[in-house]
């Protein structure tokens, strides 16, 4: 297959590139940063582009059998009014321009990232893909992100809305931010610690995207998270136990809000999301329990 990956130079994108190259596909990765030379392969090409603006880069869409849309400014910076606009524009404008570039001349799968944040703060509610969306900032971003992706349906593409949980990997993402705190003896639960965290091992996430692309009958919203979400306090205990560090230094909600502003809400909301559609479609997770996933990611290098 010809795979186009926007956001292909980021944490998740680089894992996607490696997976599809190893599988034998041809990959075009696209991103804003200069090419860093991580991949040299005769079936790989990197395109530097600002995908929030239309341009020559859109011609790459016509040759793709599958588009994996991962582009988006990280949410893990303090949110000013200007930065919130960047979070929004980097996702919605990119997705809108991708959808506009779908020609309809060939069968295509348009797998666009979204997030379980689309559901908002839902306490102990069990969240399948049939649940309504929330009303907070990230919920609105995710909802508009998905609406932009669905425009590709009008051009003949099969659209998958991949609602990612917290992605755990050894070389980036949330875990790379959490581990140093625990090693510095400053790890612990956030706020009450009772909030649910939907998570997924990076290996399972990449395999799930490949599975969804290959399932011709799968479209619309899909929760891409492990089947067993955990409470924040339990995630802290698991991480502390594996690192042989204490996990008793809670970060009170008021302190998080004081230090991080509106961004703190990301760490305090509760989303007990489960991958109902992914599981019923036949996908088999390698890591269904958090302890096994963390042990795999944090094991010493041989």
C-alpha atoms as a PDB file:
ATOM      1  CA  UNK A   1       0.000   0.000   0.000  1.00  0.00           C
ATOM      2  CA  UNK A   2       0.924   3.640  -0.393  1.00  0.00           C
ATOM      3  CA  UNK A   3       0.614   5.215   3.068  1.00  0.00           C
ATOM      4  CA  UNK A   4       0.644   8.974   3.685  1.00  0.00           C
ATOM      5  CA  UNK A   5       1.286   9.957   7.313  1.00  0.00           C
ATOM      6  CA  UNK A   6       0.843  13.559   8.391  1.00  0.00           C
ATOM      7  CA  UNK A   7       2.608  14.346  11.632  1.00  0.00           C
ATOM      8  CA  UNK A   8       5.015  11.634  10.514  1.00  0.00           C
ATOM      9  CA  UNK A   9       8.039  13.104  12.282  1.00  0.00           C
ATOM     10  CA  UNK A  10       6.442  13.059  15.734  1.00  0.00           C
ATOM     11  CA  UNK A  11       6.397  10.440  18.487  1.00  0.00           C
ATOM     12  CA  UNK A  12       3.435   8.404  17.219  1.00  0.00           C
ATOM     13  CA  UNK A  13       4.188   9.174  13.567  1.00  0.00           C
ATOM     14  CA  UNK A  14       7.713   7.786  13.701  1.00  0.00           C
ATOM     15  CA  UNK A  15       6.411   4.517  15.134  1.00  0.00           C
ATOM     16  CA  UNK A  16       3.829   4.393  12.332  1.00  0.00           C
ATOM     17  CA  UNK A  17       6.511   4.938   9.694  1.00  0.00           C
ATOM     18  CA  UNK A  18       8.669   2.138  11.090  1.00  0.00           C
ATOM     19  CA  UNK A  19       5.740  -0.293  11.277  1.00  0.00           C
ATOM     20  CA  UNK A  20       4.538   0.238   7.717  1.00  0.00           C
ATOM     21  CA  UNK A  21       8.048   0.108   6.252  1.00  0.00           C
ATOM     22  CA  UNK A  22       8.714  -3.176   8.053  1.00  0.00           C
ATOM     23  CA  UNK A  23       5.416  -4.473   6.699  1.00  0.00           C
ATOM     24  CA  UNK A  24       6.524  -3.705   3.143  1.00  0.00           C
ATOM     25  CA  UNK A  25       4.432  -0.606   2.399  1.00  0.00           C
ATOM     26  CA  UNK A  26       5.548   2.587   0.676  1.00  0.00           C
ATOM     27  CA  UNK A  27       5.442   5.520   3.077  1.00  0.00           C
ATOM     28  CA  UNK A  28       5.359   9.271   2.623  1.00  0.00           C
ATOM     29  CA  UNK A  29       5.750  11.098   5.930  1.00  0.00           C
ATOM     30  CA  UNK A  30       4.828  14.746   6.228  1.00  0.00           C
ATOM     31  CA  UNK A  31       5.677  17.270   8.920  1.00  0.00           C
ATOM     32  CA  UNK A  32       6.693  20.834   9.657  1.00  0.00           C
ATOM     33  CA  UNK A  33      10.151  20.098  11.005  1.00  0.00           C
ATOM     34  CA  UNK A  34      13.182  19.585   8.814  1.00  0.00           C
ATOM     35  CA  UNK A  35      13.845  15.951   7.997  1.00  0.00           C
ATOM     36  CA  UNK A  36      15.931  14.426  10.775  1.00  0.00           C
ATOM     37  CA  UNK A  37      17.265  11.429   8.857  1.00  0.00           C
ATOM     38  CA  UNK A  38      15.768   8.776  11.135  1.00  0.00           C
ATOM     39  CA  UNK A  39      14.607   6.729   8.169  1.00  0.00           C
ATOM     40  CA  UNK A  40      16.532   5.971   5.004  1.00  0.00           C
ATOM     41  CA  UNK A  41      14.699   3.524   2.817  1.00  0.00           C
ATOM     42  CA  UNK A  42      13.889   3.192  -0.864  1.00  0.00           C
ATOM     43  CA  UNK A  43      10.191   2.965   0.054  1.00  0.00           C
ATOM     44  CA  UNK A  44      10.266   6.074   2.235  1.00  0.00           C
ATOM     45  CA  UNK A  45      10.021   9.777   1.460  1.00  0.00           C
ATOM     46  CA  UNK A  46       9.677  12.808   3.704  1.00  0.00           C
ATOM     47  CA  UNK A  47       7.846  15.995   2.717  1.00  0.00           C
ATOM     48  CA  UNK A  48       8.306  19.145   4.774  1.00  0.00           C
ATOM     49  CA  UNK A  49       5.112  21.210   4.705  1.00  0.00           C
ATOM     50  CA  UNK A  50       2.871  23.537   6.663  1.00  0.00           C
ATOM     51  CA  UNK A  51      -0.327  21.533   6.352  1.00  0.00           C
ATOM     52  CA  UNK A  52      -2.430  24.266   7.977  1.00  0.00           C
ATOM     53  CA  UNK A  53      -2.237  26.051   4.615  1.00  0.00           C
ATOM     54  CA  UNK A  54      -3.164  24.613   1.217  1.00  0.00           C
ATOM     55  CA  UNK A  55      -0.234  23.959  -1.094  1.00  0.00           C
ATOM     56  CA  UNK A  56       1.632  21.614  -3.391  1.00  0.00           C
ATOM     57  CA  UNK A  57       1.813  19.061  -0.577  1.00  0.00           C
ATOM     58  CA  UNK A  58      -1.861  18.207  -1.187  1.00  0.00           C
ATOM     59  CA  UNK A  59      -0.883  16.439  -4.416  1.00  0.00           C
ATOM     60  CA  UNK A  60       0.539  13.618  -2.254  1.00  0.00           C
ATOM     61  CA  UNK A  61      -3.007  12.643  -1.232  1.00  0.00           C
ATOM     62  CA  UNK A  62      -3.934  11.543  -4.753  1.00  0.00           C
ATOM     63  CA  UNK A  63      -1.374   8.707  -4.698  1.00  0.00           C
ATOM     64  CA  UNK A  64      -2.281   7.369  -1.263  1.00  0.00           C
ATOM     65  CA  UNK A  65      -4.210   4.185  -0.587  1.00  0.00           C
ATOM     66  CA  UNK A  66      -4.405   5.205   3.066  1.00  0.00           C
ATOM     67  CA  UNK A  67      -3.967   8.524   4.848  1.00  0.00           C
ATOM     68  CA  UNK A  68      -3.053   8.442   8.540  1.00  0.00           C
ATOM     69  CA  UNK A  69      -3.622  11.942   9.859  1.00  0.00           C
ATOM     70  CA  UNK A  70      -1.693  12.596  13.072  1.00  0.00           C
ATOM     71  CA  UNK A  71      -0.883  16.289  12.654  1.00  0.00           C
ATOM     72  CA  UNK A  72      -1.526  18.542  15.624  1.00  0.00           C
ATOM     73  CA  UNK A  73       0.266  20.882  18.007  1.00  0.00           C
ATOM     74  CA  UNK A  74       0.981  19.249  21.369  1.00  0.00           C
ATOM     75  CA  UNK A  75      -1.524  20.092  24.078  1.00  0.00           C
ATOM     76  CA  UNK A  76       1.165  19.864  26.779  1.00  0.00           C
ATOM     77  CA  UNK A  77       2.150  23.528  26.895  1.00  0.00           C
ATOM     78  CA  UNK A  78       0.569  26.256  28.969  1.00  0.00           C
ATOM     79  CA  UNK A  79      -2.579  27.397  27.201  1.00  0.00           C
ATOM     80  CA  UNK A  80      -2.721  31.037  26.244  1.00  0.00           C
ATOM     81  CA  UNK A  81      -5.481  32.261  23.957  1.00  0.00           C
ATOM     82  CA  UNK A  82      -2.971  32.194  21.102  1.00  0.00           C
ATOM     83  CA  UNK A  83      -1.735  28.687  21.905  1.00  0.00           C
ATOM     84  CA  UNK A  84      -5.275  27.312  22.097  1.00  0.00           C
ATOM     85  CA  UNK A  85      -5.825  28.674  18.605  1.00  0.00           C
ATOM     86  CA  UNK A  86      -2.684  26.829  17.458  1.00  0.00           C
ATOM     87  CA  UNK A  87      -3.999  23.589  19.005  1.00  0.00           C
ATOM     88  CA  UNK A  88      -7.237  24.082  17.102  1.00  0.00           C
ATOM     89  CA  UNK A  89      -5.852  25.243  13.754  1.00  0.00           C
ATOM     90  CA  UNK A  90      -3.105  22.609  13.537  1.00  0.00           C
ATOM     91  CA  UNK A  91      -5.769  19.902  13.683  1.00  0.00           C
ATOM     92  CA  UNK A  92      -8.820  21.300  11.965  1.00  0.00           C
ATOM     93  CA  UNK A  93      -7.125  23.192   9.140  1.00  0.00           C
ATOM     94  CA  UNK A  94      -4.779  20.304   8.318  1.00  0.00           C
ATOM     95  CA  UNK A  95      -7.658  17.830   8.267  1.00  0.00           C
ATOM     96  CA  UNK A  96      -9.812  20.135   6.186  1.00  0.00           C
ATOM     97  CA  UNK A  97      -7.067  20.526   3.575  1.00  0.00           C
ATOM     98  CA  UNK A  98      -6.428  16.788   3.494  1.00  0.00           C
ATOM     99  CA  UNK A  99     -10.123  16.052   2.946  1.00  0.00           C
ATOM    100  CA  UNK A 100     -10.284  18.652   0.160  1.00  0.00           C
ATOM    101  CA  UNK A 101      -7.380  16.898  -1.586  1.00  0.00           C
ATOM    102  CA  UNK A 102      -9.152  13.510  -1.770  1.00  0.00           C
ATOM    103  CA  UNK A 103      -9.908  13.022  -5.468  1.00  0.00           C
ATOM    104  CA  UNK A 104     -12.288  10.079  -5.346  1.00  0.00           C
ATOM    105  CA  UNK A 105     -10.407   8.467  -8.240  1.00  0.00           C
ATOM    106  CA  UNK A 106      -9.390   5.420  -6.163  1.00  0.00           C
ATOM    107  CA  UNK A 107     -10.414   3.540  -3.042  1.00  0.00           C
ATOM    108  CA  UNK A 108      -8.926   5.263  -0.048  1.00  0.00           C
ATOM    109  CA  UNK A 109      -8.958   4.930   3.726  1.00  0.00           C
ATOM    110  CA  UNK A 110      -8.775   8.181   5.672  1.00  0.00           C
ATOM    111  CA  UNK A 111      -7.771   7.359   9.250  1.00  0.00           C
ATOM    112  CA  UNK A 112      -7.790  10.593  11.218  1.00  0.00           C
ATOM    113  CA  UNK A 113      -6.619  10.863  14.809  1.00  0.00           C
ATOM    114  CA  UNK A 114      -9.002  12.193  17.402  1.00  0.00           C
ATOM    115  CA  UNK A 115      -9.016  11.702  21.172  1.00  0.00           C
ATOM    116  CA  UNK A 116     -11.099  10.219  23.951  1.00  0.00           C
ATOM    117  CA  UNK A 117     -11.154  13.807  25.189  1.00  0.00           C
ATOM    118  CA  UNK A 118     -14.113  14.203  22.844  1.00  0.00           C
ATOM    119  CA  UNK A 119     -16.318  12.783  25.641  1.00  0.00           C
ATOM    120  CA  UNK A 120     -15.416  15.437  28.209  1.00  0.00           C
ATOM    121  CA  UNK A 121     -15.205  14.811  31.956  1.00  0.00           C
ATOM    122  CA  UNK A 122     -17.513  11.838  32.594  1.00  0.00           C
ATOM    123  CA  UNK A 123     -16.641  10.430  36.025  1.00  0.00           C
ATOM    124  CA  UNK A 124     -17.294   6.692  36.253  1.00  0.00           C
ATOM    125  CA  UNK A 125     -19.418   6.457  33.096  1.00  0.00           C
ATOM    126  CA  UNK A 126     -18.348   3.622  30.797  1.00  0.00           C
ATOM    127  CA  UNK A 127     -17.638   5.308  27.472  1.00  0.00           C
ATOM    128  CA  UNK A 128     -18.209   3.389  24.269  1.00  0.00           C
ATOM    129  CA  UNK A 129     -18.257   5.037  20.865  1.00  0.00           C
ATOM    130  CA  UNK A 130     -22.031   5.585  21.194  1.00  0.00           C
ATOM    131  CA  UNK A 131     -21.672   8.113  24.014  1.00  0.00           C
ATOM    132  CA  UNK A 132     -22.322  11.833  23.366  1.00  0.00           C
ATOM    133  CA  UNK A 133     -19.489  14.339  23.165  1.00  0.00           C
ATOM    134  CA  UNK A 134     -18.575  16.889  25.823  1.00  0.00           C
ATOM    135  CA  UNK A 135     -18.592  20.678  25.842  1.00  0.00           C
ATOM    136  CA  UNK A 136     -15.146  21.704  27.165  1.00  0.00           C
ATOM    137  CA  UNK A 137     -12.359  23.083  24.956  1.00  0.00           C
ATOM    138  CA  UNK A 138     -10.729  19.764  24.017  1.00  0.00           C
ATOM    139  CA  UNK A 139     -14.119  18.164  23.399  1.00  0.00           C
ATOM    140  CA  UNK A 140     -14.955  20.946  20.943  1.00  0.00           C
ATOM    141  CA  UNK A 141     -11.559  20.611  19.264  1.00  0.00           C
ATOM    142  CA  UNK A 142     -12.016  16.846  18.850  1.00  0.00           C
ATOM    143  CA  UNK A 143     -15.571  17.211  17.586  1.00  0.00           C
ATOM    144  CA  UNK A 144     -14.566  19.801  14.945  1.00  0.00           C
ATOM    145  CA  UNK A 145     -11.521  17.668  14.081  1.00  0.00           C
ATOM    146  CA  UNK A 146     -13.781  14.702  13.399  1.00  0.00           C
ATOM    147  CA  UNK A 147     -16.264  16.802  11.437  1.00  0.00           C
ATOM    148  CA  UNK A 148     -13.436  18.005   9.190  1.00  0.00           C
ATOM    149  CA  UNK A 149     -12.309  14.411   8.582  1.00  0.00           C
ATOM    150  CA  UNK A 150     -15.819  13.266   7.717  1.00  0.00           C
ATOM    151  CA  UNK A 151     -15.816  15.650   4.747  1.00  0.00           C
ATOM    152  CA  UNK A 152     -13.588  13.075   3.007  1.00  0.00           C
ATOM    153  CA  UNK A 153     -16.600  10.725   2.946  1.00  0.00           C
ATOM    154  CA  UNK A 154     -18.234  13.036   0.425  1.00  0.00           C
ATOM    155  CA  UNK A 155     -15.273  12.351  -1.869  1.00  0.00           C
ATOM    156  CA  UNK A 156     -15.517   8.577  -1.585  1.00  0.00           C
ATOM    157  CA  UNK A 157     -13.059   7.835   1.221  1.00  0.00           C
ATOM    158  CA  UNK A 158     -13.754   5.420   4.077  1.00  0.00           C
ATOM    159  CA  UNK A 159     -13.214   7.596   7.145  1.00  0.00           C
ATOM    160  CA  UNK A 160     -12.066   6.234  10.519  1.00  0.00           C
ATOM    161  CA  UNK A 161     -12.111   8.559  13.534  1.00  0.00           C
ATOM    162  CA  UNK A 162      -9.414   7.066  15.776  1.00  0.00           C
ATOM    163  CA  UNK A 163     -10.075   8.322  19.291  1.00  0.00           C
ATOM    164  CA  UNK A 164      -6.703   7.807  20.985  1.00  0.00           C
ATOM    165  CA  UNK A 165      -6.300   7.256  24.693  1.00  0.00           C
ATOM    166  CA  UNK A 166      -3.102   8.146  26.574  1.00  0.00           C
ATOM    167  CA  UNK A 167      -0.332   6.729  24.386  1.00  0.00           C
ATOM    168  CA  UNK A 168       2.482   5.064  26.345  1.00  0.00           C
ATOM    169  CA  UNK A 169       5.895   4.684  24.761  1.00  0.00           C
ATOM    170  CA  UNK A 170       9.471   4.546  26.023  1.00  0.00           C
ATOM    171  CA  UNK A 171      10.719   7.249  23.670  1.00  0.00           C
ATOM    172  CA  UNK A 172       8.107   9.967  23.947  1.00  0.00           C
ATOM    173  CA  UNK A 173       4.563  10.898  24.846  1.00  0.00           C
ATOM    174  CA  UNK A 174       3.185  11.027  28.374  1.00  0.00           C
ATOM    175  CA  UNK A 175       5.517   8.384  29.817  1.00  0.00           C
ATOM    176  CA  UNK A 176       8.603  10.393  28.893  1.00  0.00           C
ATOM    177  CA  UNK A 177       7.213  13.235  31.027  1.00  0.00           C
ATOM    178  CA  UNK A 178       6.130  11.055  33.944  1.00  0.00           C
ATOM    179  CA  UNK A 179       9.211   8.882  34.452  1.00  0.00           C
ATOM    180  CA  UNK A 180      11.657  11.721  35.329  1.00  0.00           C
ATOM    181  CA  UNK A 181       9.298  12.966  38.055  1.00  0.00           C
ATOM    182  CA  UNK A 182       9.129   9.518  39.651  1.00  0.00           C
ATOM    183  CA  UNK A 183      12.881   9.049  39.431  1.00  0.00           C
ATOM    184  CA  UNK A 184      13.285  12.411  41.172  1.00  0.00           C
ATOM    185  CA  UNK A 185      11.010  11.114  43.994  1.00  0.00           C
ATOM    186  CA  UNK A 186       8.242  13.536  42.984  1.00  0.00           C
ATOM    187  CA  UNK A 187       5.776  11.105  41.433  1.00  0.00           C
ATOM    188  CA  UNK A 188       2.243  10.512  42.558  1.00  0.00           C
ATOM    189  CA  UNK A 189      -1.433  10.837  41.708  1.00  0.00           C
ATOM    190  CA  UNK A 190      -2.918  13.974  40.150  1.00  0.00           C
ATOM    191  CA  UNK A 191      -5.707  15.682  42.047  1.00  0.00           C
ATOM    192  CA  UNK A 192      -7.920  13.127  43.790  1.00  0.00           C
ATOM    193  CA  UNK A 193      -6.342  10.291  41.802  1.00  0.00           C
ATOM    194  CA  UNK A 194      -9.782   8.810  41.270  1.00  0.00           C
ATOM    195  CA  UNK A 195     -10.127   9.888  37.659  1.00  0.00           C
ATOM    196  CA  UNK A 196     -10.089   7.179  34.983  1.00  0.00           C
ATOM    197  CA  UNK A 197      -7.238   7.120  32.465  1.00  0.00           C
ATOM    198  CA  UNK A 198      -7.731   5.314  29.137  1.00  0.00           C
ATOM    199  CA  UNK A 199      -4.268   4.251  27.950  1.00  0.00           C
ATOM    200  CA  UNK A 200      -2.645   2.227  25.180  1.00  0.00           C
ATOM    201  CA  UNK A 201       0.821   0.799  24.517  1.00  0.00           C
ATOM    202  CA  UNK A 202       2.370   2.407  21.421  1.00  0.00           C
ATOM    203  CA  UNK A 203       2.825  -1.022  19.823  1.00  0.00           C
ATOM    204  CA  UNK A 204      -0.866  -1.795  20.187  1.00  0.00           C
ATOM    205  CA  UNK A 205      -1.837   1.631  18.885  1.00  0.00           C
ATOM    206  CA  UNK A 206       0.177   1.221  15.683  1.00  0.00           C
ATOM    207  CA  UNK A 207      -1.143  -2.307  15.166  1.00  0.00           C
ATOM    208  CA  UNK A 208      -4.698  -1.085  15.786  1.00  0.00           C
ATOM    209  CA  UNK A 209      -4.388   1.592  13.099  1.00  0.00           C
ATOM    210  CA  UNK A 210      -3.120  -1.013  10.621  1.00  0.00           C
ATOM    211  CA  UNK A 211      -6.008  -3.294  11.606  1.00  0.00           C
ATOM    212  CA  UNK A 212      -8.593  -0.555  11.061  1.00  0.00           C
ATOM    213  CA  UNK A 213      -7.142   0.318   7.674  1.00  0.00           C
ATOM    214  CA  UNK A 214      -7.369  -3.325   6.641  1.00  0.00           C
ATOM    215  CA  UNK A 215     -10.965  -3.807   7.804  1.00  0.00           C
ATOM    216  CA  UNK A 216     -13.094  -2.617   4.915  1.00  0.00           C
ATOM    217  CA  UNK A 217     -16.243  -2.626   7.054  1.00  0.00           C
ATOM    218  CA  UNK A 218     -14.883  -0.368   9.802  1.00  0.00           C
ATOM    219  CA  UNK A 219     -15.623   3.352   9.672  1.00  0.00           C
ATOM    220  CA  UNK A 220     -16.624   6.191  11.974  1.00  0.00           C
ATOM    221  CA  UNK A 221     -15.516   6.636  15.602  1.00  0.00           C
ATOM    222  CA  UNK A 222     -13.302   3.975  17.183  1.00  0.00           C
ATOM    223  CA  UNK A 223     -11.885   4.191  20.715  1.00  0.00           C
ATOM    224  CA  UNK A 224      -8.190   3.309  20.414  1.00  0.00           C
ATOM    225  CA  UNK A 225      -7.316   2.419  23.990  1.00  0.00           C
ATOM    226  CA  UNK A 226      -6.671  -0.722  26.008  1.00  0.00           C
ATOM    227  CA  UNK A 227      -9.742  -2.604  27.286  1.00  0.00           C
ATOM    228  CA  UNK A 228      -8.857  -1.951  30.934  1.00  0.00           C
ATOM    229  CA  UNK A 229      -8.624   1.750  31.825  1.00  0.00           C
ATOM    230  CA  UNK A 230      -7.159   2.498  35.252  1.00  0.00           C
ATOM    231  CA  UNK A 231      -7.588   5.170  37.869  1.00  0.00           C
ATOM    232  CA  UNK A 232      -4.878   7.805  37.993  1.00  0.00           C
ATOM    233  CA  UNK A 233      -3.759   6.714  41.459  1.00  0.00           C
ATOM    234  CA  UNK A 234      -3.341   3.121  40.264  1.00  0.00           C
ATOM    235  CA  UNK A 235      -1.274   4.247  37.304  1.00  0.00           C
ATOM    236  CA  UNK A 236       0.970   6.165  39.720  1.00  0.00           C
ATOM    237  CA  UNK A 237       1.348   3.089  41.942  1.00  0.00           C
ATOM    238  CA  UNK A 238       2.219   0.857  38.981  1.00  0.00           C
ATOM    239  CA  UNK A 239       4.816   3.276  37.689  1.00  0.00           C
ATOM    240  CA  UNK A 240       6.351   3.804  41.126  1.00  0.00           C
ATOM    241  CA  UNK A 241       6.535   0.056  41.752  1.00  0.00           C
ATOM    242  CA  UNK A 242       8.287  -0.631  38.435  1.00  0.00           C
ATOM    243  CA  UNK A 243      10.756   2.212  38.956  1.00  0.00           C
ATOM    244  CA  UNK A 244      11.269   1.276  42.624  1.00  0.00           C
ATOM    245  CA  UNK A 245      10.276   4.784  43.620  1.00  0.00           C
ATOM    246  CA  UNK A 246       7.566   6.058  45.964  1.00  0.00           C
ATOM    247  CA  UNK A 247       4.280   7.174  44.436  1.00  0.00           C
ATOM    248  CA  UNK A 248       2.904   9.092  47.407  1.00  0.00           C
ATOM    249  CA  UNK A 249       3.535  12.687  46.341  1.00  0.00           C
ATOM    250  CA  UNK A 250       0.062  13.817  45.227  1.00  0.00           C
ATOM    251  CA  UNK A 251      -0.323  16.955  43.145  1.00  0.00           C
ATOM    252  CA  UNK A 252      -3.435  18.707  44.507  1.00  0.00           C
ATOM    253  CA  UNK A 253      -5.866  19.999  41.909  1.00  0.00           C
ATOM    254  CA  UNK A 254      -5.519  23.605  43.067  1.00  0.00           C
ATOM    255  CA  UNK A 255      -1.722  23.420  42.783  1.00  0.00           C
ATOM    256  CA  UNK A 256      -1.941  21.965  39.281  1.00  0.00           C
ATOM    257  CA  UNK A 257      -4.321  24.732  38.209  1.00  0.00           C
ATOM    258  CA  UNK A 258      -2.062  27.363  39.766  1.00  0.00           C
ATOM    259  CA  UNK A 259       1.041  26.004  38.029  1.00  0.00           C
ATOM    260  CA  UNK A 260      -0.460  24.981  34.695  1.00  0.00           C
ATOM    261  CA  UNK A 261      -3.565  27.073  34.232  1.00  0.00           C
ATOM    262  CA  UNK A 262      -6.296  25.621  32.028  1.00  0.00           C
ATOM    263  CA  UNK A 263      -3.974  22.814  30.866  1.00  0.00           C
ATOM    264  CA  UNK A 264      -4.404  21.195  34.296  1.00  0.00           C
ATOM    265  CA  UNK A 265      -7.896  20.127  33.266  1.00  0.00           C
ATOM    266  CA  UNK A 266      -6.340  17.539  30.922  1.00  0.00           C
ATOM    267  CA  UNK A 267      -4.820  15.755  33.931  1.00  0.00           C
ATOM    268  CA  UNK A 268      -7.911  15.939  36.132  1.00  0.00           C
ATOM    269  CA  UNK A 269     -10.748  14.816  33.845  1.00  0.00           C
ATOM    270  CA  UNK A 270     -12.090  11.272  34.046  1.00  0.00           C
ATOM    271  CA  UNK A 271     -12.743   9.245  30.879  1.00  0.00           C
ATOM    272  CA  UNK A 272     -13.459   5.556  31.365  1.00  0.00           C
ATOM    273  CA  UNK A 273     -13.298   4.772  27.661  1.00  0.00           C
ATOM    274  CA  UNK A 274     -13.296   1.209  26.332  1.00  0.00           C
ATOM    275  CA  UNK A 275     -12.526  -0.056  22.791  1.00  0.00           C
ATOM    276  CA  UNK A 276     -15.859  -1.679  22.013  1.00  0.00           C
ATOM    277  CA  UNK A 277     -15.742  -1.363  18.213  1.00  0.00           C
ATOM    278  CA  UNK A 278     -12.057  -2.268  17.975  1.00  0.00           C
ATOM    279  CA  UNK A 279     -12.558  -5.425  20.030  1.00  0.00           C
ATOM    280  CA  UNK A 280     -15.691  -6.564  18.203  1.00  0.00           C
ATOM    281  CA  UNK A 281     -13.899  -6.057  14.870  1.00  0.00           C
ATOM    282  CA  UNK A 282     -11.425  -8.775  15.862  1.00  0.00           C
ATOM    283  CA  UNK A 283      -8.419  -6.782  17.035  1.00  0.00           C
ATOM    284  CA  UNK A 284      -6.329  -8.607  19.645  1.00  0.00           C
ATOM    285  CA  UNK A 285      -4.324  -6.484  22.105  1.00  0.00           C
ATOM    286  CA  UNK A 286      -0.859  -7.548  23.166  1.00  0.00           C
ATOM    287  CA  UNK A 287      -1.171  -5.489  26.335  1.00  0.00           C
ATOM    288  CA  UNK A 288      -4.520  -5.463  28.123  1.00  0.00           C
ATOM    289  CA  UNK A 289      -3.103  -4.718  31.583  1.00  0.00           C
ATOM    290  CA  UNK A 290      -1.137  -1.617  32.539  1.00  0.00           C
ATOM    291  CA  UNK A 291       1.531  -3.427  34.583  1.00  0.00           C
ATOM    292  CA  UNK A 292       2.556  -5.611  31.638  1.00  0.00           C
ATOM    293  CA  UNK A 293       2.588  -2.625  29.278  1.00  0.00           C
ATOM    294  CA  UNK A 294       4.773  -0.533  31.579  1.00  0.00           C
ATOM    295  CA  UNK A 295       7.103  -3.471  32.257  1.00  0.00           C
ATOM    296  CA  UNK A 296       7.608  -3.898  28.529  1.00  0.00           C
ATOM    297  CA  UNK A 297       8.278  -0.214  27.941  1.00  0.00           C
ATOM    298  CA  UNK A 298      10.556   0.318  30.940  1.00  0.00           C
ATOM    299  CA  UNK A 299      12.617  -2.850  30.784  1.00  0.00           C
ATOM    300  CA  UNK A 300      16.381  -2.183  30.682  1.00  0.00           C
ATOM    301  CA  UNK A 301      18.039  -2.165  27.283  1.00  0.00           C
ATOM    302  CA  UNK A 302      19.869  -5.468  26.576  1.00  0.00           C
END
